PDB file of N, CA and C in Angstrom:
ATOM      1  N   MET A   1      96.447-108.633  10.217  1.00  0.00           N
ATOM      2  CA  MET A   1      96.961-107.300  10.220  1.00  0.00           C
ATOM      3  C   MET A   1      98.096-107.220   9.198  1.00  0.00           C
ATOM      4  N   ALA A   2      98.113-106.180   8.442  1.00  0.00           N
ATOM      5  CA  ALA A   2      99.151-105.977   7.436  1.00  0.00           C
ATOM      6  C   ALA A   2     100.240-105.083   7.995  1.00  0.00           C
ATOM      7  N   ARG A   3     101.473-105.311   7.589  1.00  0.00           N
ATOM      8  CA  ARG A   3     102.592-104.426   7.936  1.00  0.00           C
ATOM      9  C   ARG A   3     102.919-103.590   6.716  1.00  0.00           C
ATOM     10  N   ILE A   4     103.381-102.392   6.954  1.00  0.00           N
ATOM     11  CA  ILE A   4     103.645-101.455   5.872  1.00  0.00           C
ATOM     12  C   ILE A   4     105.094-100.997   5.945  1.00  0.00           C
ATOM     13  N   LYS A   5     105.765-100.896   4.801  1.00  0.00           N
ATOM     14  CA  LYS A   5     107.085-100.279   4.710  1.00  0.00           C
ATOM     15  C   LYS A   5     106.932 -99.033   3.858  1.00  0.00           C
ATOM     16  N   PHE A   6     107.309 -97.896   4.417  1.00  0.00           N
ATOM     17  CA  PHE A   6     107.171 -96.651   3.686  1.00  0.00           C
ATOM     18  C   PHE A   6     108.474 -96.303   2.980  1.00  0.00           C
ATOM     19  N   GLY A   7     108.357 -95.594   1.896  1.00  0.00           N
ATOM     20  CA  GLY A   7     109.512 -95.112   1.155  1.00  0.00           C
ATOM     21  C   GLY A   7     109.031 -94.205   0.047  1.00  0.00           C
ATOM     22  N   GLY A   8     109.963 -93.581  -0.633  1.00  0.00           N
ATOM     23  CA  GLY A   8     109.569 -92.708  -1.736  1.00  0.00           C
ATOM     24  C   GLY A   8     108.798 -91.500  -1.258  1.00  0.00           C
ATOM     25  N   LEU A   9     107.618 -91.288  -1.804  1.00  0.00           N
ATOM     26  CA  LEU A   9     106.834 -90.101  -1.501  1.00  0.00           C
ATOM     27  C   LEU A   9     106.095 -90.173  -0.169  1.00  0.00           C
ATOM     28  N   ILE A  10     105.712 -91.365   0.265  1.00  0.00           N
ATOM     29  CA  ILE A  10     104.936 -91.508   1.499  1.00  0.00           C
ATOM     30  C   ILE A  10     105.838 -92.043   2.599  1.00  0.00           C
ATOM     31  N   ARG A  11     105.921 -91.286   3.695  1.00  0.00           N
ATOM     32  CA  ARG A  11     106.784 -91.681   4.803  1.00  0.00           C
ATOM     33  C   ARG A  11     105.986 -92.186   6.002  1.00  0.00           C
ATOM     34  N   GLU A  12     104.741 -91.735   6.119  1.00  0.00           N
ATOM     35  CA  GLU A  12     103.938 -92.097   7.285  1.00  0.00           C
ATOM     36  C   GLU A  12     102.461 -91.978   6.935  1.00  0.00           C
ATOM     37  N   ALA A  13     101.640 -92.838   7.534  1.00  0.00           N
ATOM     38  CA  ALA A  13     100.189 -92.754   7.371  1.00  0.00           C
ATOM     39  C   ALA A  13      99.548 -92.992   8.732  1.00  0.00           C
ATOM     40  N   ARG A  14      98.651 -92.095   9.117  1.00  0.00           N
ATOM     41  CA  ARG A  14      97.917 -92.231  10.368  1.00  0.00           C
ATOM     42  C   ARG A  14      96.484 -91.819  10.127  1.00  0.00           C
ATOM     43  N   GLY A  15      95.569 -92.430  10.855  1.00  0.00           N
ATOM     44  CA  GLY A  15      94.170 -92.066  10.717  1.00  0.00           C
ATOM     45  C   GLY A  15      93.396 -93.137   9.981  1.00  0.00           C
ATOM     46  N   SER A  16      92.223 -92.773   9.501  1.00  0.00           N
ATOM     47  CA  SER A  16      91.368 -93.756   8.847  1.00  0.00           C
ATOM     48  C   SER A  16      91.056 -93.330   7.424  1.00  0.00           C
ATOM     49  N   LEU A  17      90.805 -94.330   6.610  1.00  0.00           N
ATOM     50  CA  LEU A  17      90.412 -94.151   5.225  1.00  0.00           C
ATOM     51  C   LEU A  17      89.410 -95.257   4.935  1.00  0.00           C
ATOM     52  N   GLY A  18      88.146 -94.883   4.819  1.00  0.00           N
ATOM     53  CA  GLY A  18      87.096 -95.891   4.640  1.00  0.00           C
ATOM     54  C   GLY A  18      87.018 -96.781   5.866  1.00  0.00           C
ATOM     55  N   ASP A  19      87.132 -98.089   5.669  1.00  0.00           N
ATOM     56  CA  ASP A  19      87.084 -99.057   6.762  1.00  0.00           C
ATOM     57  C   ASP A  19      88.466 -99.408   7.305  1.00  0.00           C
ATOM     58  N   PHE A  20      89.510 -98.687   6.918  1.00  0.00           N
ATOM     59  CA  PHE A  20      90.868 -99.012   7.327  1.00  0.00           C
ATOM     60  C   PHE A  20      91.441 -97.961   8.257  1.00  0.00           C
ATOM     61  N   ILE A  21      92.211 -98.418   9.248  1.00  0.00           N
ATOM     62  CA  ILE A  21      92.890 -97.566  10.210  1.00  0.00           C
ATOM     63  C   ILE A  21      94.392 -97.725   9.978  1.00  0.00           C
ATOM     64  N   PHE A  22      95.097 -96.616   9.807  1.00  0.00           N
ATOM     65  CA  PHE A  22      96.543 -96.613   9.627  1.00  0.00           C
ATOM     66  C   PHE A  22      97.172 -96.062  10.900  1.00  0.00           C
ATOM     67  N   SER A  23      98.190 -96.763  11.418  1.00  0.00           N
ATOM     68  CA  SER A  23      98.822 -96.313  12.647  1.00  0.00           C
ATOM     69  C   SER A  23     100.201 -96.939  12.762  1.00  0.00           C
ATOM     70  N   SER A  24     100.867 -96.691  13.899  1.00  0.00           N
ATOM     71  CA  SER A  24     102.138 -97.350  14.187  1.00  0.00           C
ATOM     72  C   SER A  24     102.193 -97.648  15.671  1.00  0.00           C
ATOM     73  N   TRP A  25     102.951 -98.669  16.012  1.00  0.00           N
ATOM     74  CA  TRP A  25     103.122 -99.073  17.399  1.00  0.00           C
ATOM     75  C   TRP A  25     104.560 -99.493  17.575  1.00  0.00           C
ATOM     76  N   LYS A  26     105.255 -98.836  18.509  1.00  0.00           N
ATOM     77  CA  LYS A  26     106.666 -99.102  18.779  1.00  0.00           C
ATOM     78  C   LYS A  26     107.490 -99.069  17.501  1.00  0.00           C
ATOM     79  N   GLY A  27     107.206 -98.112  16.652  1.00  0.00           N
ATOM     80  CA  GLY A  27     107.996 -97.908  15.439  1.00  0.00           C
ATOM     81  C   GLY A  27     107.594 -98.746  14.246  1.00  0.00           C
ATOM     82  N   SER A  28     106.637 -99.644  14.388  1.00  0.00           N
ATOM     83  CA  SER A  28     106.190-100.479  13.266  1.00  0.00           C
ATOM     84  C   SER A  28     104.838 -99.977  12.760  1.00  0.00           C
ATOM     85  N   ALA A  29     104.777 -99.674  11.478  1.00  0.00           N
ATOM     86  CA  ALA A  29     103.526 -99.206  10.884  1.00  0.00           C
ATOM     87  C   ALA A  29     102.611-100.399  10.605  1.00  0.00           C
ATOM     88  N   TYR A  30     101.310-100.158  10.708  1.00  0.00           N
ATOM     89  CA  TYR A  30     100.354-101.212  10.392  1.00  0.00           C
ATOM     90  C   TYR A  30      99.042-100.599   9.932  1.00  0.00           C
ATOM     91  N   VAL A  31      98.240-101.433   9.287  1.00  0.00           N
ATOM     92  CA  VAL A  31      96.894-101.049   8.873  1.00  0.00           C
ATOM     93  C   VAL A  31      95.953-102.158   9.312  1.00  0.00           C
ATOM     94  N   ARG A  32      94.775-101.777   9.765  1.00  0.00           N
ATOM     95  CA  ARG A  32      93.791-102.770  10.189  1.00  0.00           C
ATOM     96  C   ARG A  32      92.408-102.276   9.809  1.00  0.00           C
ATOM     97  N   ARG A  33      91.461-103.186   9.815  1.00  0.00           N
ATOM     98  CA  ARG A  33      90.069-102.806   9.550  1.00  0.00           C
ATOM     99  C   ARG A  33      89.475-102.168  10.797  1.00  0.00           C
ATOM    100  N   LYS A  34      88.597-101.235  10.582  1.00  0.00           N
ATOM    101  CA  LYS A  34      87.881-100.602  11.680  1.00  0.00           C
ATOM    102  C   LYS A  34      87.026-101.663  12.370  1.00  0.00           C
ATOM    103  N   ALA A  35      87.093-101.690  13.690  1.00  0.00           N
ATOM    104  CA  ALA A  35      86.359-102.689  14.462  1.00  0.00           C
ATOM    105  C   ALA A  35      84.863-102.395  14.448  1.00  0.00           C
ATOM    106  N   ARG A  36      84.095-103.427  14.343  1.00  0.00           N
ATOM    107  CA  ARG A  36      82.645-103.324  14.473  1.00  0.00           C
ATOM    108  C   ARG A  36      82.329-103.668  15.914  1.00  0.00           C
ATOM    109  N   TRP A  37      82.103-102.666  16.730  1.00  0.00           N
ATOM    110  CA  TRP A  37      81.973-102.850  18.164  1.00  0.00           C
ATOM    111  C   TRP A  37      80.524-102.891  18.586  1.00  0.00           C
ATOM    112  N   THR A  38      80.220-103.853  19.416  1.00  0.00           N
ATOM    113  CA  THR A  38      78.897-103.914  20.019  1.00  0.00           C
ATOM    114  C   THR A  38      79.074-103.787  21.521  1.00  0.00           C
ATOM    115  N   ARG A  39      78.076-103.340  22.180  1.00  0.00           N
ATOM    116  CA  ARG A  39      78.159-103.141  23.622  1.00  0.00           C
ATOM    117  C   ARG A  39      77.161-104.063  24.318  1.00  0.00           C
ATOM    118  N   PRO A  40      77.620-105.264  24.703  1.00  0.00           N
ATOM    119  CA  PRO A  40      76.712-106.175  25.382  1.00  0.00           C
ATOM    120  C   PRO A  40      76.210-105.561  26.683  1.00  0.00           C
ATOM    121  N   ALA A  41      74.974-105.732  26.952  1.00  0.00           N
ATOM    122  CA  ALA A  41      74.368-105.128  28.137  1.00  0.00           C
ATOM    123  C   ALA A  41      74.117-106.162  29.222  1.00  0.00           C
ATOM    124  N   THR A  42      74.989-107.157  29.323  1.00  0.00           N
ATOM    125  CA  THR A  42      74.789-108.167  30.359  1.00  0.00           C
ATOM    126  C   THR A  42      75.176-107.592  31.713  1.00  0.00           C
ATOM    127  N   PRO A  43      74.568-108.070  32.788  1.00  0.00           N
ATOM    128  CA  PRO A  43      74.936-107.582  34.125  1.00  0.00           C
ATOM    129  C   PRO A  43      76.425-107.801  34.447  1.00  0.00           C
ATOM    130  N   ALA A  44      76.969-108.936  34.038  1.00  0.00           N
ATOM    131  CA  ALA A  44      78.385-109.213  34.308  1.00  0.00           C
ATOM    132  C   ALA A  44      79.283-108.202  33.592  1.00  0.00           C
ATOM    133  N   GLN A  45      78.945-107.872  32.356  1.00  0.00           N
ATOM    134  CA  GLN A  45      79.745-106.903  31.600  1.00  0.00           C
ATOM    135  C   GLN A  45      79.631-105.512  32.220  1.00  0.00           C
ATOM    136  N   ALA A  46      78.468-105.159  32.693  1.00  0.00           N
ATOM    137  CA  ALA A  46      78.284-103.855  33.345  1.00  0.00           C
ATOM    138  C   ALA A  46      79.155-103.767  34.599  1.00  0.00           C
ATOM    139  N   ILE A  47      79.239-104.840  35.362  1.00  0.00           N
ATOM    140  CA  ILE A  47      80.077-104.867  36.562  1.00  0.00           C
ATOM    141  C   ILE A  47      81.548-104.696  36.190  1.00  0.00           C
ATOM    142  N   ARG A  48      81.983-105.395  35.132  1.00  0.00           N
ATOM    143  CA  ARG A  48      83.380-105.281  34.688  1.00  0.00           C
ATOM    144  C   ARG A  48      83.695-103.856  34.228  1.00  0.00           C
ATOM    145  N   ARG A  49      82.775-103.231  33.533  1.00  0.00           N
ATOM    146  CA  ARG A  49      83.003-101.852  33.079  1.00  0.00           C
ATOM    147  C   ARG A  49      83.127-100.893  34.261  1.00  0.00           C
ATOM    148  N   ILE A  50      82.288-101.069  35.253  1.00  0.00           N
ATOM    149  CA  ILE A  50      82.350-100.228  36.453  1.00  0.00           C
ATOM    150  C   ILE A  50      83.680-100.448  37.168  1.00  0.00           C
ATOM    151  N   ARG A  51      84.086-101.711  37.314  1.00  0.00           N
ATOM    152  CA  ARG A  51      85.357-102.034  37.956  1.00  0.00           C
ATOM    153  C   ARG A  51      86.520-101.418  37.178  1.00  0.00           C
ATOM    154  N   PHE A  52      86.494-101.559  35.862  1.00  0.00           N
ATOM    155  CA  PHE A  52      87.567-101.017  35.026  1.00  0.00           C
ATOM    156  C   PHE A  52      87.675 -99.503  35.191  1.00  0.00           C
ATOM    157  N   SER A  53      86.552 -98.798  35.132  1.00  0.00           N
ATOM    158  CA  SER A  53      86.601 -97.340  35.247  1.00  0.00           C
ATOM    159  C   SER A  53      87.094 -96.925  36.639  1.00  0.00           C
ATOM    160  N   GLY A  54      86.756 -97.689  37.672  1.00  0.00           N
ATOM    161  CA  GLY A  54      87.262 -97.410  39.012  1.00  0.00           C
ATOM    162  C   GLY A  54      88.766 -97.584  39.095  1.00  0.00           C
ATOM    163  N   LEU A  55      89.282 -98.607  38.436  1.00  0.00           N
ATOM    164  CA  LEU A  55      90.734 -98.838  38.424  1.00  0.00           C
ATOM    165  C   LEU A  55      91.467 -97.747  37.653  1.00  0.00           C
ATOM    166  N   VAL A  56      90.884 -97.293  36.566  1.00  0.00           N
ATOM    167  CA  VAL A  56      91.491 -96.181  35.819  1.00  0.00           C
ATOM    168  C   VAL A  56      91.576 -94.950  36.714  1.00  0.00           C
ATOM    169  N   ARG A  57      90.502 -94.639  37.434  1.00  0.00           N
ATOM    170  CA  ARG A  57      90.510 -93.501  38.369  1.00  0.00           C
ATOM    171  C   ARG A  57      91.575 -93.700  39.448  1.00  0.00           C
ATOM    172  N   HIS A  58      91.679 -94.917  39.965  1.00  0.00           N
ATOM    173  CA  HIS A  58      92.685 -95.224  40.990  1.00  0.00           C
ATOM    174  C   HIS A  58      94.088 -94.938  40.453  1.00  0.00           C
ATOM    175  N   TRP A  59      94.396 -95.381  39.225  1.00  0.00           N
ATOM    176  CA  TRP A  59      95.713 -95.142  38.627  1.00  0.00           C
ATOM    177  C   TRP A  59      95.965 -93.637  38.483  1.00  0.00           C
ATOM    178  N   GLN A  60      94.959 -92.897  38.098  1.00  0.00           N
ATOM    179  CA  GLN A  60      95.120 -91.463  37.861  1.00  0.00           C
ATOM    180  C   GLN A  60      95.466 -90.703  39.134  1.00  0.00           C
ATOM    181  N   VAL A  61      94.988 -91.154  40.282  1.00  0.00           N
ATOM    182  CA  VAL A  61      95.265 -90.446  41.532  1.00  0.00           C
ATOM    183  C   VAL A  61      96.365 -91.130  42.356  1.00  0.00           C
ATOM    184  N   MET A  62      96.917 -92.201  41.846  1.00  0.00           N
ATOM    185  CA  MET A  62      97.957 -92.951  42.537  1.00  0.00           C
ATOM    186  C   MET A  62      99.198 -92.073  42.710  1.00  0.00           C
ATOM    187  N   GLY A  63      99.875 -92.236  43.845  1.00  0.00           N
ATOM    188  CA  GLY A  63     101.097 -91.484  44.107  1.00  0.00           C
ATOM    189  C   GLY A  63     102.242 -91.908  43.196  1.00  0.00           C
ATOM    190  N   ASP A  64     103.213 -91.026  43.044  1.00  0.00           N
ATOM    191  CA  ASP A  64     104.356 -91.291  42.163  1.00  0.00           C
ATOM    192  C   ASP A  64     105.156 -92.512  42.598  1.00  0.00           C
ATOM    193  N   ALA A  65     105.333 -92.699  43.913  1.00  0.00           N
ATOM    194  CA  ALA A  65     106.121 -93.832  44.408  1.00  0.00           C
ATOM    195  C   ALA A  65     105.457 -95.166  44.057  1.00  0.00           C
ATOM    196  N   GLU A  66     104.149 -95.250  44.274  1.00  0.00           N
ATOM    197  CA  GLU A  66     103.436 -96.496  43.960  1.00  0.00           C
ATOM    198  C   GLU A  66     103.424 -96.743  42.451  1.00  0.00           C
ATOM    199  N   ARG A  67     103.223 -95.689  41.678  1.00  0.00           N
ATOM    200  CA  ARG A  67     103.231 -95.824  40.220  1.00  0.00           C
ATOM    201  C   ARG A  67     104.613 -96.287  39.738  1.00  0.00           C
ATOM    202  N   ALA A  68     105.681 -95.776  40.349  1.00  0.00           N
ATOM    203  CA  ALA A  68     107.043 -96.183  39.976  1.00  0.00           C
ATOM    204  C   ALA A  68     107.255 -97.669  40.251  1.00  0.00           C
ATOM    205  N   GLN A  69     106.672 -98.186  41.342  1.00  0.00           N
ATOM    206  CA  GLN A  69     106.784 -99.620  41.636  1.00  0.00           C
ATOM    207  C   GLN A  69     106.104-100.459  40.555  1.00  0.00           C
ATOM    208  N   TRP A  70     104.917-100.047  40.139  1.00  0.00           N
ATOM    209  CA  TRP A  70     104.211-100.770  39.072  1.00  0.00           C
ATOM    210  C   TRP A  70     105.016-100.713  37.774  1.00  0.00           C
ATOM    211  N   ASN A  71     105.570 -99.545  37.461  1.00  0.00           N
ATOM    212  CA  ASN A  71     106.359 -99.399  36.231  1.00  0.00           C
ATOM    213  C   ASN A  71     107.605-100.271  36.261  1.00  0.00           C
ATOM    214  N   ALA A  72     108.259-100.372  37.424  1.00  0.00           N
ATOM    215  CA  ALA A  72     109.458-101.211  37.547  1.00  0.00           C
ATOM    216  C   ALA A  72     109.113-102.687  37.345  1.00  0.00           C
ATOM    217  N   ARG A  73     108.034-103.138  37.967  1.00  0.00           N
ATOM    218  CA  ARG A  73     107.607-104.532  37.782  1.00  0.00           C
ATOM    219  C   ARG A  73     107.247-104.806  36.327  1.00  0.00           C
ATOM    220  N   ALA A  74     106.578-103.849  35.707  1.00  0.00           N
ATOM    221  CA  ALA A  74     106.110-104.037  34.330  1.00  0.00           C
ATOM    222  C   ALA A  74     107.260-104.044  33.329  1.00  0.00           C
ATOM    223  N   LYS A  75     108.309-103.302  33.627  1.00  0.00           N
ATOM    224  CA  LYS A  75     109.442-103.204  32.691  1.00  0.00           C
ATOM    225  C   LYS A  75     110.038-104.580  32.404  1.00  0.00           C
ATOM    226  N   ARG A  76     110.081-105.431  33.434  1.00  0.00           N
ATOM    227  CA  ARG A  76     110.610-106.795  33.244  1.00  0.00           C
ATOM    228  C   ARG A  76     109.756-107.608  32.282  1.00  0.00           C
ATOM    229  N   ARG A  77     108.486-107.229  32.168  1.00  0.00           N
ATOM    230  CA  ARG A  77     107.565-107.952  31.273  1.00  0.00           C
ATOM    231  C   ARG A  77     107.356-107.228  29.948  1.00  0.00           C
ATOM    232  N   ARG A  78     108.098-106.144  29.749  1.00  0.00           N
ATOM    233  CA  ARG A  78     108.002-105.347  28.517  1.00  0.00           C
ATOM    234  C   ARG A  78     106.576-104.832  28.298  1.00  0.00           C
ATOM    235  N   MET A  79     106.021-104.252  29.347  1.00  0.00           N
ATOM    236  CA  MET A  79     104.691-103.654  29.252  1.00  0.00           C
ATOM    237  C   MET A  79     104.675-102.412  30.137  1.00  0.00           C
ATOM    238  N   SER A  80     103.616-101.678  30.099  1.00  0.00           N
ATOM    239  CA  SER A  80     103.524-100.475  30.925  1.00  0.00           C
ATOM    240  C   SER A  80     103.012-100.830  32.323  1.00  0.00           C
ATOM    241  N   GLY A  81     103.370 -99.993  33.281  1.00  0.00           N
ATOM    242  CA  GLY A  81     102.874-100.178  34.633  1.00  0.00           C
ATOM    243  C   GLY A  81     101.359-100.089  34.696  1.00  0.00           C
ATOM    244  N   TYR A  82     100.806 -99.197  33.881  1.00  0.00           N
ATOM    245  CA  TYR A  82      99.355 -99.032  33.811  1.00  0.00           C
ATOM    246  C   TYR A  82      98.690-100.345  33.389  1.00  0.00           C
ATOM    247  N   ASN A  83      99.200-100.962  32.314  1.00  0.00           N
ATOM    248  CA  ASN A  83      98.605-102.212  31.825  1.00  0.00           C
ATOM    249  C   ASN A  83      98.754-103.337  32.843  1.00  0.00           C
ATOM    250  N   LEU A  84      99.900-103.410  33.513  1.00  0.00           N
ATOM    251  CA  LEU A  84     100.092-104.437  34.534  1.00  0.00           C
ATOM    252  C   LEU A  84      99.119-104.222  35.688  1.00  0.00           C
ATOM    253  N   PHE A  85      98.997-102.980  36.155  1.00  0.00           N
ATOM    254  CA  PHE A  85      98.091-102.656  37.249  1.00  0.00           C
ATOM    255  C   PHE A  85      96.650-103.022  36.903  1.00  0.00           C
ATOM    256  N   ILE A  86      96.180-102.546  35.758  1.00  0.00           N
ATOM    257  CA  ILE A  86      94.790-102.820  35.366  1.00  0.00           C
ATOM    258  C   ILE A  86      94.566-104.327  35.222  1.00  0.00           C
ATOM    259  N   GLY A  87      95.492-105.013  34.554  1.00  0.00           N
ATOM    260  CA  GLY A  87      95.340-106.454  34.340  1.00  0.00           C
ATOM    261  C   GLY A  87      95.285-107.243  35.643  1.00  0.00           C
ATOM    262  N   GLU A  88      96.238-106.966  36.539  1.00  0.00           N
ATOM    263  CA  GLU A  88      96.264-107.709  37.804  1.00  0.00           C
ATOM    264  C   GLU A  88      95.045-107.396  38.656  1.00  0.00           C
ATOM    265  N   MET A  89      94.668-106.146  38.726  1.00  0.00           N
ATOM    266  CA  MET A  89      93.530-105.776  39.563  1.00  0.00           C
ATOM    267  C   MET A  89      92.214-106.302  38.994  1.00  0.00           C
ATOM    268  N   MET A  90      92.069-106.326  37.668  1.00  0.00           N
ATOM    269  CA  MET A  90      90.856-106.890  37.075  1.00  0.00           C
ATOM    270  C   MET A  90      90.760-108.383  37.367  1.00  0.00           C
ATOM    271  N   ARG A  91      91.903-109.085  37.300  1.00  0.00           N
ATOM    272  CA  ARG A  91      91.892-110.526  37.592  1.00  0.00           C
ATOM    273  C   ARG A  91      91.592-110.800  39.062  1.00  0.00           C
ATOM    274  N   LYS A  92      92.076-109.916  39.935  1.00  0.00           N
ATOM    275  CA  LYS A  92      91.808-110.074  41.373  1.00  0.00           C
ATOM    276  C   LYS A  92      90.387-109.697  41.717  1.00  0.00           C
ATOM    277  N   GLY A  93      89.781-108.869  40.883  1.00  0.00           N
ATOM    278  CA  GLY A  93      88.413-108.444  41.145  1.00  0.00           C
ATOM    279  C   GLY A  93      88.321-107.332  42.168  1.00  0.00           C
ATOM    280  N   GLY A  94      89.423-106.631  42.394  1.00  0.00           N
ATOM    281  CA  GLY A  94      89.400-105.563  43.389  1.00  0.00           C
ATOM    282  C   GLY A  94      89.734-104.219  42.803  1.00  0.00           C
ATOM    283  N   GLU A  95      89.674-103.218  43.649  1.00  0.00           N
ATOM    284  CA  GLU A  95      90.008-101.847  43.234  1.00  0.00           C
ATOM    285  C   GLU A  95      91.171-101.358  44.009  1.00  0.00           C
TER     286      GLU A  95
END
């Protein structure tokens, strides 16, 4: 991945140009190649996708108090509560 420093006429770049994606994350600009994605159709992968989508739905309807607990735990790890929740629940194999 390349890092970009802007100055002069160009201050920011976002979006795609050919096979390259321009974006920023936490204030750092970067460019990367567009991913060539394949969708394996294995039974195990299908189960993981179903589990993942169920966890996303669970997060979306989760109460504010429970979401605040996940966010507080995640803050110590410098990540979002959403990412911590999805990661832990996927590893546990539950919803």
